Amino acid sequence: MSSNKATGRGAPSAFTAFGMRAEAAAIAPGLHVVATPIGNLGDVSFRALATLAAASAVLAEDTRVTKTLLAHYGITTPLIAYHEHNAEEMRPKVLARLAEGQALALVSDAGTPLVSDPGFKLVGAAVAAGHPVSTVPGPSAVLAALVVAGLPTDRFFFEGFLPPRSAARRERLEALRDIPGTLVFFESPRRVAEMLADAAAVLGDRPAAVARELTKMFETVRRGTVSSLAAAYGGEPDPKGEIVVLIGPPDAATAVHDDDAALDERLRRQLAALSVKDAVDVVSQETGLPRKRVYARAVALVKSG
C-alpha cells in the first residue's frame, strides 16, 4: 500500500462506510472547503469522506462536533479549531501550512462552510496568497429549507441571523422589504415568534414557512402566512432545535389574497351539494392545500352565510 503524500502523515488514509473500509486517495495541496451533514450523518458524500480522511488536518468550527462525524466514519485526521474567536490568530498559521504544500480541509459545524461562519476570511486570504481553493459541495440548510417550503425558488436572498432586538430587527427587515425573491433567515428558537411578528408588521402578511431540525428525526415544516405563524409560535413554548424561516417575495402577499378568493369559489361550489367535512376533503385534495386551512375558510364561509 502506498503512502498518502498529500497528508504528510505517512500511513495510508482511510474511512469506513456501509461496514467497509476504503483507502482514500491522495488529494492535491490547498484548501478544500467541505460540506458536512446538517443533522443526518448519512447525508455526507463519499468524496467528502475521502477528502476528510486524506487531508493533513481538518479545520473545524467546533472540534467536538466534527470529532463525532469523523469517529462515525473511522477517520483519524487531526482536528484544528478554527472559529470566530481564534480566526485572527490561526489564519497565518493555516496559510503557512498551505505554503508548505499541505492539503487542509475546512468544515463548519454543519452544512456548507462560509455560510454564517468565519471561513470566508480564510478563503479570501488563501486566494490572495495564491493557494488553490476547491469545494466539496453537499448539504446546506438554506437550500434544504428552500426546497421544502413551498415558496418561489427562482430567486432567493439569504440574510442569515437578524439582529436580536426588535428595533434593529425591524430596521433591517425594512431594508429587505422590496427584494424580489424569497427571504431566508436563520433564527434562534427563543426569538422565532418575535421575529415573525416583526416580519408581519414590516413586510406584510406574506406566505411563509418555518423549517425546524431539517434531516433529523423530529424534522418539521410549518407553512402559512407570516401572521398566522407568528400567532402559532407566540402561543406555544419555544421550539427546540435549528430554525430556518422563509418568507415569500413582495408579490406573494397579493397571491395569498388571490388564492383565498379562488379557494372560496371552489368551496362555495362544493358546499352547495356537500357537507362541510366532505367539501373540505374534496377541495383539499383538488388544491393540495393543508386541510386545516381549507376547513378554516369553509367555516368562515358558512358563518357568513
C-alpha atoms as a PDB file:
ATOM      1  CA  MET A   1       0.000   0.000   0.000  1.00  0.00           C
ATOM      2  CA  SER A   2       1.394   3.379  -0.964  1.00  0.00           C
ATOM      3  CA  SER A   3       1.680   6.280   1.476  1.00  0.00           C
ATOM      4  CA  ASN A   4      -0.531   9.320   1.121  1.00  0.00           C
ATOM      5  CA  LYS A   5       1.969  12.110   0.467  1.00  0.00           C
ATOM      6  CA  ALA A   6      -0.638  14.880   0.482  1.00  0.00           C
ATOM      7  CA  THR A   7      -1.417  14.328   4.141  1.00  0.00           C
ATOM      8  CA  GLY A   8       2.140  14.414   5.337  1.00  0.00           C
ATOM      9  CA  ARG A   9       1.162  11.641   7.767  1.00  0.00           C
ATOM     10  CA  GLY A  10       2.959   8.792   6.014  1.00  0.00           C
ATOM     11  CA  ALA A  11       0.440   5.998   6.564  1.00  0.00           C
ATOM     12  CA  PRO A  12      -2.430   5.480   4.113  1.00  0.00           C
ATOM     13  CA  SER A  13      -5.646   7.324   4.994  1.00  0.00           C
ATOM     14  CA  ALA A  14      -8.977   5.542   5.118  1.00  0.00           C
ATOM     15  CA  PHE A  15     -12.622   5.779   6.093  1.00  0.00           C
ATOM     16  CA  THR A  16     -15.390   3.310   6.843  1.00  0.00           C
ATOM     17  CA  ALA A  17     -18.830   3.386   5.212  1.00  0.00           C
ATOM     18  CA  PHE A  18     -21.514   0.722   4.952  1.00  0.00           C
ATOM     19  CA  GLY A  19     -19.311  -1.535   7.049  1.00  0.00           C
ATOM     20  CA  MET A  20     -16.463  -1.431   4.533  1.00  0.00           C
ATOM     21  CA  ARG A  21     -13.041   0.116   4.962  1.00  0.00           C
ATOM     22  CA  ALA A  22     -11.829   2.174   1.999  1.00  0.00           C
ATOM     23  CA  GLU A  23      -8.453   3.757   1.396  1.00  0.00           C
ATOM     24  CA  ALA A  24      -8.621   7.436   0.493  1.00  0.00           C
ATOM     25  CA  ALA A  25      -6.583   8.539  -2.498  1.00  0.00           C
ATOM     26  CA  ALA A  26      -4.177  11.427  -2.073  1.00  0.00           C
ATOM     27  CA  ILE A  27      -5.652  14.884  -2.621  1.00  0.00           C
ATOM     28  CA  ALA A  28      -3.994  17.932  -4.121  1.00  0.00           C
ATOM     29  CA  PRO A  29      -2.364  20.522  -1.858  1.00  0.00           C
ATOM     30  CA  GLY A  30      -4.531  23.506  -0.983  1.00  0.00           C
ATOM     31  CA  LEU A  31      -7.627  24.405   0.980  1.00  0.00           C
ATOM     32  CA  HIS A  32     -10.594  22.056   0.475  1.00  0.00           C
ATOM     33  CA  VAL A  33     -13.947  23.526   1.594  1.00  0.00           C
ATOM     34  CA  VAL A  34     -16.023  20.500   2.617  1.00  0.00           C
ATOM     35  CA  ALA A  35     -19.774  20.445   3.245  1.00  0.00           C
ATOM     36  CA  THR A  36     -20.879  18.184   6.112  1.00  0.00           C
ATOM     37  CA  PRO A  37     -24.315  16.899   7.211  1.00  0.00           C
ATOM     38  CA  ILE A  38     -26.756  19.368   8.787  1.00  0.00           C
ATOM     39  CA  GLY A  39     -28.154  16.668  11.040  1.00  0.00           C
ATOM     40  CA  ASN A  40     -28.370  13.253   9.450  1.00  0.00           C
ATOM     41  CA  LEU A  41     -24.861  11.761   9.278  1.00  0.00           C
ATOM     42  CA  GLY A  42     -25.945   9.674   6.298  1.00  0.00           C
ATOM     43  CA  ASP A  43     -26.059  12.785   4.114  1.00  0.00           C
ATOM     44  CA  VAL A  44     -22.274  13.059   3.786  1.00  0.00           C
ATOM     45  CA  SER A  45     -20.818  12.264   0.354  1.00  0.00           C
ATOM     46  CA  PHE A  46     -18.109   9.683  -0.397  1.00  0.00           C
ATOM     47  CA  ARG A  47     -15.956  12.462  -1.807  1.00  0.00           C
ATOM     48  CA  ALA A  48     -16.307  14.422   1.428  1.00  0.00           C
ATOM     49  CA  LEU A  49     -15.273  11.369   3.467  1.00  0.00           C
ATOM     50  CA  ALA A  50     -12.297  10.713   1.220  1.00  0.00           C
ATOM     51  CA  THR A  51     -11.206  14.358   1.432  1.00  0.00           C
ATOM     52  CA  LEU A  52     -11.522  14.476   5.220  1.00  0.00           C
ATOM     53  CA  ALA A  53      -9.562  11.227   5.512  1.00  0.00           C
ATOM     54  CA  ALA A  54      -6.786  12.299   3.130  1.00  0.00           C
ATOM     55  CA  ALA A  55      -6.274  15.848   4.423  1.00  0.00           C
ATOM     56  CA  SER A  56      -3.276  16.798   6.531  1.00  0.00           C
ATOM     57  CA  ALA A  57      -5.708  18.269   9.052  1.00  0.00           C
ATOM     58  CA  VAL A  58      -9.350  19.320   9.341  1.00  0.00           C
ATOM     59  CA  LEU A  59     -10.080  22.916  10.328  1.00  0.00           C
ATOM     60  CA  ALA A  60     -13.294  22.765  12.353  1.00  0.00           C
ATOM     61  CA  GLU A  61     -15.584  25.415  13.797  1.00  0.00           C
ATOM     62  CA  ASP A  62     -16.244  23.161  16.811  1.00  0.00           C
ATOM     63  CA  THR A  63     -13.870  20.210  17.071  1.00  0.00           C
ATOM     64  CA  ARG A  64     -16.292  18.337  19.353  1.00  0.00           C
ATOM     65  CA  VAL A  65     -18.983  18.342  16.662  1.00  0.00           C
ATOM     66  CA  THR A  66     -16.618  17.352  13.858  1.00  0.00           C
ATOM     67  CA  LYS A  67     -14.977  14.681  16.033  1.00  0.00           C
ATOM     68  CA  THR A  68     -18.349  12.902  16.189  1.00  0.00           C
ATOM     69  CA  LEU A  69     -18.616  12.890  12.388  1.00  0.00           C
ATOM     70  CA  LEU A  70     -15.048  11.657  11.879  1.00  0.00           C
ATOM     71  CA  ALA A  71     -15.399   8.955  14.520  1.00  0.00           C
ATOM     72  CA  HIS A  72     -18.630   7.727  12.937  1.00  0.00           C
ATOM     73  CA  TYR A  73     -16.760   7.067   9.700  1.00  0.00           C
ATOM     74  CA  GLY A  74     -13.492   5.863  11.248  1.00  0.00           C
ATOM     75  CA  ILE A  75     -11.452   8.893  10.176  1.00  0.00           C
ATOM     76  CA  THR A  76      -8.401   9.774  12.280  1.00  0.00           C
ATOM     77  CA  THR A  77      -7.296  13.023  10.631  1.00  0.00           C
ATOM     78  CA  PRO A  78      -6.080  15.588  13.221  1.00  0.00           C
ATOM     79  CA  LEU A  79      -8.521  18.364  14.081  1.00  0.00           C
ATOM     80  CA  ILE A  80      -7.645  22.051  14.421  1.00  0.00           C
ATOM     81  CA  ALA A  81     -10.079  24.568  15.920  1.00  0.00           C
ATOM     82  CA  TYR A  82     -10.801  27.476  13.573  1.00  0.00           C
ATOM     83  CA  HIS A  83     -13.661  29.735  14.690  1.00  0.00           C
ATOM     84  CA  GLU A  84     -14.565  33.393  15.107  1.00  0.00           C
ATOM     85  CA  HIS A  85     -12.737  33.705  18.436  1.00  0.00           C
ATOM     86  CA  ASN A  86      -9.337  32.434  17.235  1.00  0.00           C
ATOM     87  CA  ALA A  87      -9.506  33.128  13.491  1.00  0.00           C
ATOM     88  CA  GLU A  88      -7.177  36.134  13.525  1.00  0.00           C
ATOM     89  CA  GLU A  89      -4.528  34.139  15.402  1.00  0.00           C
ATOM     90  CA  MET A  90      -4.958  30.918  13.436  1.00  0.00           C
ATOM     91  CA  ARG A  91      -5.189  32.312   9.911  1.00  0.00           C
ATOM     92  CA  PRO A  92      -1.422  32.989   9.478  1.00  0.00           C
ATOM     93  CA  LYS A  93      -0.642  29.502  10.809  1.00  0.00           C
ATOM     94  CA  VAL A  94      -3.050  27.918   8.340  1.00  0.00           C
ATOM     95  CA  LEU A  95      -1.587  29.943   5.466  1.00  0.00           C
ATOM     96  CA  ALA A  96       1.896  28.808   6.487  1.00  0.00           C
ATOM     97  CA  ARG A  97       0.806  25.166   6.300  1.00  0.00           C
ATOM     98  CA  LEU A  98      -0.716  25.778   2.876  1.00  0.00           C
ATOM     99  CA  ALA A  99       2.582  27.365   1.788  1.00  0.00           C
ATOM    100  CA  GLU A 100       4.306  24.121   2.813  1.00  0.00           C
ATOM    101  CA  GLY A 101       2.131  22.264   0.316  1.00  0.00           C
ATOM    102  CA  GLN A 102      -0.274  20.667   2.771  1.00  0.00           C
ATOM    103  CA  ALA A 103      -3.858  19.737   1.934  1.00  0.00           C
ATOM    104  CA  LEU A 104      -6.239  21.131   4.551  1.00  0.00           C
ATOM    105  CA  ALA A 105      -9.983  20.576   4.832  1.00  0.00           C
ATOM    106  CA  LEU A 106     -12.259  23.332   6.157  1.00  0.00           C
ATOM    107  CA  VAL A 107     -15.624  22.396   7.690  1.00  0.00           C
ATOM    108  CA  SER A 108     -18.292  24.189   9.704  1.00  0.00           C
ATOM    109  CA  ASP A 109     -20.392  22.670  12.481  1.00  0.00           C
ATOM    110  CA  ALA A 110     -22.927  21.603   9.883  1.00  0.00           C
ATOM    111  CA  GLY A 111     -23.685  22.245   6.240  1.00  0.00           C
ATOM    112  CA  THR A 112     -21.601  24.244   3.790  1.00  0.00           C
ATOM    113  CA  PRO A 113     -18.745  26.356   5.207  1.00  0.00           C
ATOM    114  CA  LEU A 114     -18.688  30.141   4.697  1.00  0.00           C
ATOM    115  CA  VAL A 115     -22.462  30.395   5.268  1.00  0.00           C
ATOM    116  CA  SER A 116     -22.740  32.273   8.584  1.00  0.00           C
ATOM    117  CA  ASP A 117     -19.269  31.255   9.782  1.00  0.00           C
ATOM    118  CA  PRO A 118     -15.747  32.846   9.687  1.00  0.00           C
ATOM    119  CA  GLY A 119     -14.432  30.656   6.889  1.00  0.00           C
ATOM    120  CA  PHE A 120     -14.842  33.288   4.169  1.00  0.00           C
ATOM    121  CA  LYS A 121     -11.911  35.320   5.541  1.00  0.00           C
ATOM    122  CA  LEU A 122      -9.647  32.283   5.392  1.00  0.00           C
ATOM    123  CA  VAL A 123     -10.709  31.509   1.822  1.00  0.00           C
ATOM    124  CA  GLY A 124     -10.109  35.136   0.843  1.00  0.00           C
ATOM    125  CA  ALA A 125      -6.653  35.078   2.411  1.00  0.00           C
ATOM    126  CA  ALA A 126      -5.796  31.772   0.743  1.00  0.00           C
ATOM    127  CA  VAL A 127      -6.879  33.073  -2.664  1.00  0.00           C
ATOM    128  CA  ALA A 128      -4.908  36.287  -2.153  1.00  0.00           C
ATOM    129  CA  ALA A 129      -1.810  34.256  -1.288  1.00  0.00           C
ATOM    130  CA  GLY A 130      -2.180  32.180  -4.446  1.00  0.00           C
ATOM    131  CA  HIS A 131      -3.078  28.885  -2.767  1.00  0.00           C
ATOM    132  CA  PRO A 132      -5.507  26.516  -4.517  1.00  0.00           C
ATOM    133  CA  VAL A 133      -9.043  26.524  -3.073  1.00  0.00           C
ATOM    134  CA  SER A 134     -11.553  23.857  -4.051  1.00  0.00           C
ATOM    135  CA  THR A 135     -15.013  22.854  -2.920  1.00  0.00           C
ATOM    136  CA  VAL A 136     -16.556  19.534  -1.962  1.00  0.00           C
ATOM    137  CA  PRO A 137     -20.251  20.500  -2.169  1.00  0.00           C
ATOM    138  CA  GLY A 138     -23.040  18.926  -0.196  1.00  0.00           C
ATOM    139  CA  PRO A 139     -25.671  19.669   2.462  1.00  0.00           C
ATOM    140  CA  SER A 140     -26.923  23.213   3.054  1.00  0.00           C
ATOM    141  CA  ALA A 141     -29.652  24.222   5.499  1.00  0.00           C
ATOM    142  CA  VAL A 142     -30.513  27.163   3.237  1.00  0.00           C
ATOM    143  CA  LEU A 143     -31.228  25.029   0.176  1.00  0.00           C
ATOM    144  CA  ALA A 144     -32.781  22.181   2.160  1.00  0.00           C
ATOM    145  CA  ALA A 145     -35.298  24.592   3.691  1.00  0.00           C
ATOM    146  CA  LEU A 146     -35.942  26.364   0.393  1.00  0.00           C
ATOM    147  CA  VAL A 147     -36.930  23.226  -1.490  1.00  0.00           C
ATOM    148  CA  VAL A 148     -39.496  22.091   1.116  1.00  0.00           C
ATOM    149  CA  ALA A 149     -41.001  25.481   1.977  1.00  0.00           C
ATOM    150  CA  GLY A 150     -43.381  25.632  -0.976  1.00  0.00           C
ATOM    151  CA  LEU A 151     -42.274  29.197  -1.760  1.00  0.00           C
ATOM    152  CA  PRO A 152     -40.772  30.593  -5.002  1.00  0.00           C
ATOM    153  CA  THR A 153     -37.260  29.243  -5.599  1.00  0.00           C
ATOM    154  CA  ASP A 154     -36.296  31.088  -8.799  1.00  0.00           C
ATOM    155  CA  ARG A 155     -34.930  33.984  -6.731  1.00  0.00           C
ATOM    156  CA  PHE A 156     -33.982  33.989  -3.076  1.00  0.00           C
ATOM    157  CA  PHE A 157     -31.952  36.091  -0.682  1.00  0.00           C
ATOM    158  CA  PHE A 158     -30.128  34.607   2.309  1.00  0.00           C
ATOM    159  CA  GLU A 159     -29.936  37.064   5.197  1.00  0.00           C
ATOM    160  CA  GLY A 160     -28.642  34.825   7.970  1.00  0.00           C
ATOM    161  CA  PHE A 161     -29.468  35.959  11.504  1.00  0.00           C
ATOM    162  CA  LEU A 162     -31.385  39.195  12.035  1.00  0.00           C
ATOM    163  CA  PRO A 163     -30.485  41.494  14.959  1.00  0.00           C
ATOM    164  CA  PRO A 164     -31.780  40.154  18.291  1.00  0.00           C
ATOM    165  CA  ARG A 165     -33.525  43.382  19.359  1.00  0.00           C
ATOM    166  CA  SER A 166     -36.850  44.354  17.811  1.00  0.00           C
ATOM    167  CA  ALA A 167     -35.993  47.930  16.764  1.00  0.00           C
ATOM    168  CA  ALA A 168     -32.820  46.892  14.926  1.00  0.00           C
ATOM    169  CA  ARG A 169     -34.567  43.833  13.516  1.00  0.00           C
ATOM    170  CA  ARG A 170     -37.401  45.906  12.052  1.00  0.00           C
ATOM    171  CA  GLU A 171     -34.917  48.347  10.565  1.00  0.00           C
ATOM    172  CA  ARG A 172     -33.125  45.508   8.808  1.00  0.00           C
ATOM    173  CA  LEU A 173     -36.411  43.972   7.622  1.00  0.00           C
ATOM    174  CA  GLU A 174     -37.369  47.348   6.161  1.00  0.00           C
ATOM    175  CA  ALA A 175     -34.187  47.245   4.074  1.00  0.00           C
ATOM    176  CA  LEU A 176     -35.152  43.782   2.804  1.00  0.00           C
ATOM    177  CA  ARG A 177     -38.799  44.592   2.083  1.00  0.00           C
ATOM    178  CA  ASP A 178     -38.552  45.176  -1.675  1.00  0.00           C
ATOM    179  CA  ILE A 179     -36.188  42.322  -2.556  1.00  0.00           C
ATOM    180  CA  PRO A 180     -37.982  40.408  -5.363  1.00  0.00           C
ATOM    181  CA  GLY A 181     -37.336  36.928  -4.036  1.00  0.00           C
ATOM    182  CA  THR A 182     -37.917  34.550  -1.146  1.00  0.00           C
ATOM    183  CA  LEU A 183     -36.136  35.687   2.013  1.00  0.00           C
ATOM    184  CA  VAL A 184     -34.254  33.047   4.019  1.00  0.00           C
ATOM    185  CA  PHE A 185     -33.249  33.567   7.653  1.00  0.00           C
ATOM    186  CA  PHE A 186     -31.591  31.604  10.418  1.00  0.00           C
ATOM    187  CA  GLU A 187     -33.246  32.266  13.766  1.00  0.00           C
ATOM    188  CA  SER A 188     -32.913  31.327  17.420  1.00  0.00           C
ATOM    189  CA  PRO A 189     -35.781  29.161  18.742  1.00  0.00           C
ATOM    190  CA  ARG A 190     -36.161  31.691  21.561  1.00  0.00           C
ATOM    191  CA  ARG A 191     -36.846  34.548  19.147  1.00  0.00           C
ATOM    192  CA  VAL A 192     -38.792  32.946  16.302  1.00  0.00           C
ATOM    193  CA  ALA A 193     -42.227  34.220  17.474  1.00  0.00           C
ATOM    194  CA  GLU A 194     -40.950  37.788  17.953  1.00  0.00           C
ATOM    195  CA  MET A 195     -39.111  37.704  14.630  1.00  0.00           C
ATOM    196  CA  LEU A 196     -42.247  36.559  12.770  1.00  0.00           C
ATOM    197  CA  ALA A 197     -44.344  39.252  14.453  1.00  0.00           C
ATOM    198  CA  ASP A 198     -41.863  41.931  13.384  1.00  0.00           C
ATOM    199  CA  ALA A 199     -41.749  40.481   9.868  1.00  0.00           C
ATOM    200  CA  ALA A 200     -45.551  40.618   9.603  1.00  0.00           C
ATOM    201  CA  ALA A 201     -45.541  44.250  10.726  1.00  0.00           C
ATOM    202  CA  VAL A 202     -42.802  45.331   8.309  1.00  0.00           C
ATOM    203  CA  LEU A 203     -43.166  43.033   5.288  1.00  0.00           C
ATOM    204  CA  GLY A 204     -46.906  42.442   5.323  1.00  0.00           C
ATOM    205  CA  ASP A 205     -48.769  39.169   5.587  1.00  0.00           C
ATOM    206  CA  ARG A 206     -46.843  37.123   3.052  1.00  0.00           C
ATOM    207  CA  PRO A 207     -46.799  33.322   2.773  1.00  0.00           C
ATOM    208  CA  ALA A 208     -44.034  31.841   4.896  1.00  0.00           C
ATOM    209  CA  ALA A 209     -42.588  28.639   6.293  1.00  0.00           C
ATOM    210  CA  VAL A 210     -40.633  27.665   9.378  1.00  0.00           C
ATOM    211  CA  ALA A 211     -38.350  24.646   8.972  1.00  0.00           C
ATOM    212  CA  ARG A 212     -37.022  23.015  12.134  1.00  0.00           C
ATOM    213  CA  GLU A 213     -34.450  20.249  12.640  1.00  0.00           C
ATOM    214  CA  LEU A 214     -34.112  19.539   8.918  1.00  0.00           C
ATOM    215  CA  THR A 215     -32.932  15.990   8.075  1.00  0.00           C
ATOM    216  CA  LYS A 216     -33.219  14.945  11.730  1.00  0.00           C
ATOM    217  CA  MET A 217     -35.708  12.636  13.433  1.00  0.00           C
ATOM    218  CA  PHE A 218     -38.055  15.440  14.500  1.00  0.00           C
ATOM    219  CA  GLU A 219     -37.937  17.470  11.269  1.00  0.00           C
ATOM    220  CA  THR A 220     -40.972  19.718  10.897  1.00  0.00           C
ATOM    221  CA  VAL A 221     -42.017  22.314   8.327  1.00  0.00           C
ATOM    222  CA  ARG A 222     -44.899  24.625   9.201  1.00  0.00           C
ATOM    223  CA  ARG A 223     -46.413  26.700   6.422  1.00  0.00           C
ATOM    224  CA  GLY A 224     -48.883  29.564   6.487  1.00  0.00           C
ATOM    225  CA  THR A 225     -48.852  33.341   6.431  1.00  0.00           C
ATOM    226  CA  VAL A 226     -46.325  35.298   8.451  1.00  0.00           C
ATOM    227  CA  SER A 227     -49.022  36.488  10.863  1.00  0.00           C
ATOM    228  CA  SER A 228     -50.563  33.040  11.341  1.00  0.00           C
ATOM    229  CA  LEU A 229     -47.161  31.525  12.071  1.00  0.00           C
ATOM    230  CA  ALA A 230     -46.352  34.377  14.468  1.00  0.00           C
ATOM    231  CA  ALA A 231     -49.590  33.729  16.323  1.00  0.00           C
ATOM    232  CA  ALA A 232     -48.972  29.978  16.410  1.00  0.00           C
ATOM    233  CA  TYR A 233     -45.451  30.235  17.788  1.00  0.00           C
ATOM    234  CA  GLY A 234     -46.450  33.042  20.141  1.00  0.00           C
ATOM    235  CA  GLY A 235     -48.988  30.775  21.788  1.00  0.00           C
ATOM    236  CA  GLU A 236     -46.639  27.832  22.302  1.00  0.00           C
ATOM    237  CA  PRO A 237     -43.485  27.073  24.293  1.00  0.00           C
ATOM    238  CA  ASP A 238     -40.289  27.930  22.420  1.00  0.00           C
ATOM    239  CA  PRO A 239     -39.448  25.265  19.845  1.00  0.00           C
ATOM    240  CA  LYS A 240     -36.207  23.317  20.096  1.00  0.00           C
ATOM    241  CA  GLY A 241     -33.509  22.805  17.501  1.00  0.00           C
ATOM    242  CA  GLU A 242     -32.187  24.621  14.451  1.00  0.00           C
ATOM    243  CA  ILE A 243     -34.648  27.023  12.797  1.00  0.00           C
ATOM    244  CA  VAL A 244     -34.824  28.351   9.226  1.00  0.00           C
ATOM    245  CA  VAL A 245     -37.515  30.943   8.456  1.00  0.00           C
ATOM    246  CA  LEU A 246     -38.552  31.592   4.860  1.00  0.00           C
ATOM    247  CA  ILE A 247     -40.790  34.447   3.694  1.00  0.00           C
ATOM    248  CA  GLY A 248     -42.214  34.833   0.204  1.00  0.00           C
ATOM    249  CA  PRO A 249     -41.445  37.777  -2.109  1.00  0.00           C
ATOM    250  CA  PRO A 250     -43.435  41.048  -2.073  1.00  0.00           C
ATOM    251  CA  ASP A 251     -45.912  39.998  -4.752  1.00  0.00           C
ATOM    252  CA  ALA A 252     -46.671  36.802  -2.839  1.00  0.00           C
ATOM    253  CA  ALA A 253     -48.829  38.763  -0.386  1.00  0.00           C
ATOM    254  CA  THR A 254     -51.190  39.605  -3.244  1.00  0.00           C
ATOM    255  CA  ALA A 255     -51.084  35.986  -4.353  1.00  0.00           C
ATOM    256  CA  VAL A 256     -52.255  34.898  -0.898  1.00  0.00           C
ATOM    257  CA  HIS A 257     -55.388  37.010  -1.207  1.00  0.00           C
ATOM    258  CA  ASP A 258     -55.926  35.864  -4.815  1.00  0.00           C
ATOM    259  CA  ASP A 259     -55.562  32.255  -3.673  1.00  0.00           C
ATOM    260  CA  ASP A 260     -58.104  32.849  -0.907  1.00  0.00           C
ATOM    261  CA  ALA A 261     -60.622  34.173  -3.434  1.00  0.00           C
ATOM    262  CA  ALA A 262     -60.116  31.139  -5.684  1.00  0.00           C
ATOM    263  CA  LEU A 263     -60.338  28.830  -2.673  1.00  0.00           C
ATOM    264  CA  ASP A 264     -63.601  30.441  -1.557  1.00  0.00           C
ATOM    265  CA  GLU A 265     -65.100  29.935  -5.003  1.00  0.00           C
ATOM    266  CA  ARG A 266     -64.166  26.244  -5.015  1.00  0.00           C
ATOM    267  CA  LEU A 267     -65.619  25.800  -1.540  1.00  0.00           C
ATOM    268  CA  ARG A 268     -68.882  27.559  -2.431  1.00  0.00           C
ATOM    269  CA  ARG A 269     -69.412  25.148  -5.324  1.00  0.00           C
ATOM    270  CA  GLN A 270     -68.794  22.105  -3.148  1.00  0.00           C
ATOM    271  CA  LEU A 271     -70.755  23.388  -0.138  1.00  0.00           C
ATOM    272  CA  ALA A 272     -73.809  23.768  -2.337  1.00  0.00           C
ATOM    273  CA  ALA A 273     -74.013  19.982  -2.566  1.00  0.00           C
ATOM    274  CA  LEU A 274     -71.829  18.562   0.236  1.00  0.00           C
ATOM    275  CA  SER A 275     -71.364  18.792   3.982  1.00  0.00           C
ATOM    276  CA  VAL A 276     -68.551  20.953   5.326  1.00  0.00           C
ATOM    277  CA  LYS A 277     -66.414  17.889   6.030  1.00  0.00           C
ATOM    278  CA  ASP A 278     -66.888  16.390   2.568  1.00  0.00           C
ATOM    279  CA  ALA A 279     -66.440  19.744   0.821  1.00  0.00           C
ATOM    280  CA  VAL A 280     -63.193  20.313   2.703  1.00  0.00           C
ATOM    281  CA  ASP A 281     -61.950  16.844   1.786  1.00  0.00           C
ATOM    282  CA  VAL A 282     -62.701  17.406  -1.914  1.00  0.00           C
ATOM    283  CA  VAL A 283     -61.164  20.881  -2.129  1.00  0.00           C
ATOM    284  CA  SER A 284     -58.116  19.949  -0.069  1.00  0.00           C
ATOM    285  CA  GLN A 285     -57.461  17.038  -2.404  1.00  0.00           C
ATOM    286  CA  GLU A 286     -58.024  19.164  -5.516  1.00  0.00           C
ATOM    287  CA  THR A 287     -55.753  22.010  -4.459  1.00  0.00           C
ATOM    288  CA  GLY A 288     -53.143  20.238  -2.345  1.00  0.00           C
ATOM    289  CA  LEU A 289     -53.691  22.886   0.352  1.00  0.00           C
ATOM    290  CA  PRO A 290     -53.471  21.911   4.050  1.00  0.00           C
ATOM    291  CA  ARG A 291     -56.816  20.608   5.288  1.00  0.00           C
ATOM    292  CA  LYS A 292     -56.684  22.911   8.295  1.00  0.00           C
ATOM    293  CA  ARG A 293     -56.530  25.987   6.054  1.00  0.00           C
ATOM    294  CA  VAL A 294     -59.357  24.768   3.800  1.00  0.00           C
ATOM    295  CA  TYR A 295     -61.519  23.916   6.820  1.00  0.00           C
ATOM    296  CA  ALA A 296     -60.989  27.383   8.315  1.00  0.00           C
ATOM    297  CA  ARG A 297     -62.109  29.020   5.064  1.00  0.00           C
ATOM    298  CA  ALA A 298     -65.127  26.715   4.823  1.00  0.00           C
ATOM    299  CA  VAL A 299     -66.270  27.513   8.358  1.00  0.00           C
ATOM    300  CA  ALA A 300     -65.852  31.231   7.666  1.00  0.00           C
ATOM    301  CA  LEU A 301     -67.988  30.938   4.520  1.00  0.00           C
ATOM    302  CA  VAL A 302     -70.749  29.017   6.337  1.00  0.00           C
ATOM    303  CA  LYS A 303     -70.829  31.564   9.167  1.00  0.00           C
ATOM    304  CA  SER A 304     -71.015  34.472   6.719  1.00  0.00           C
ATOM    305  CA  GLY A 305     -73.971  32.866   5.028  1.00  0.00           C
END
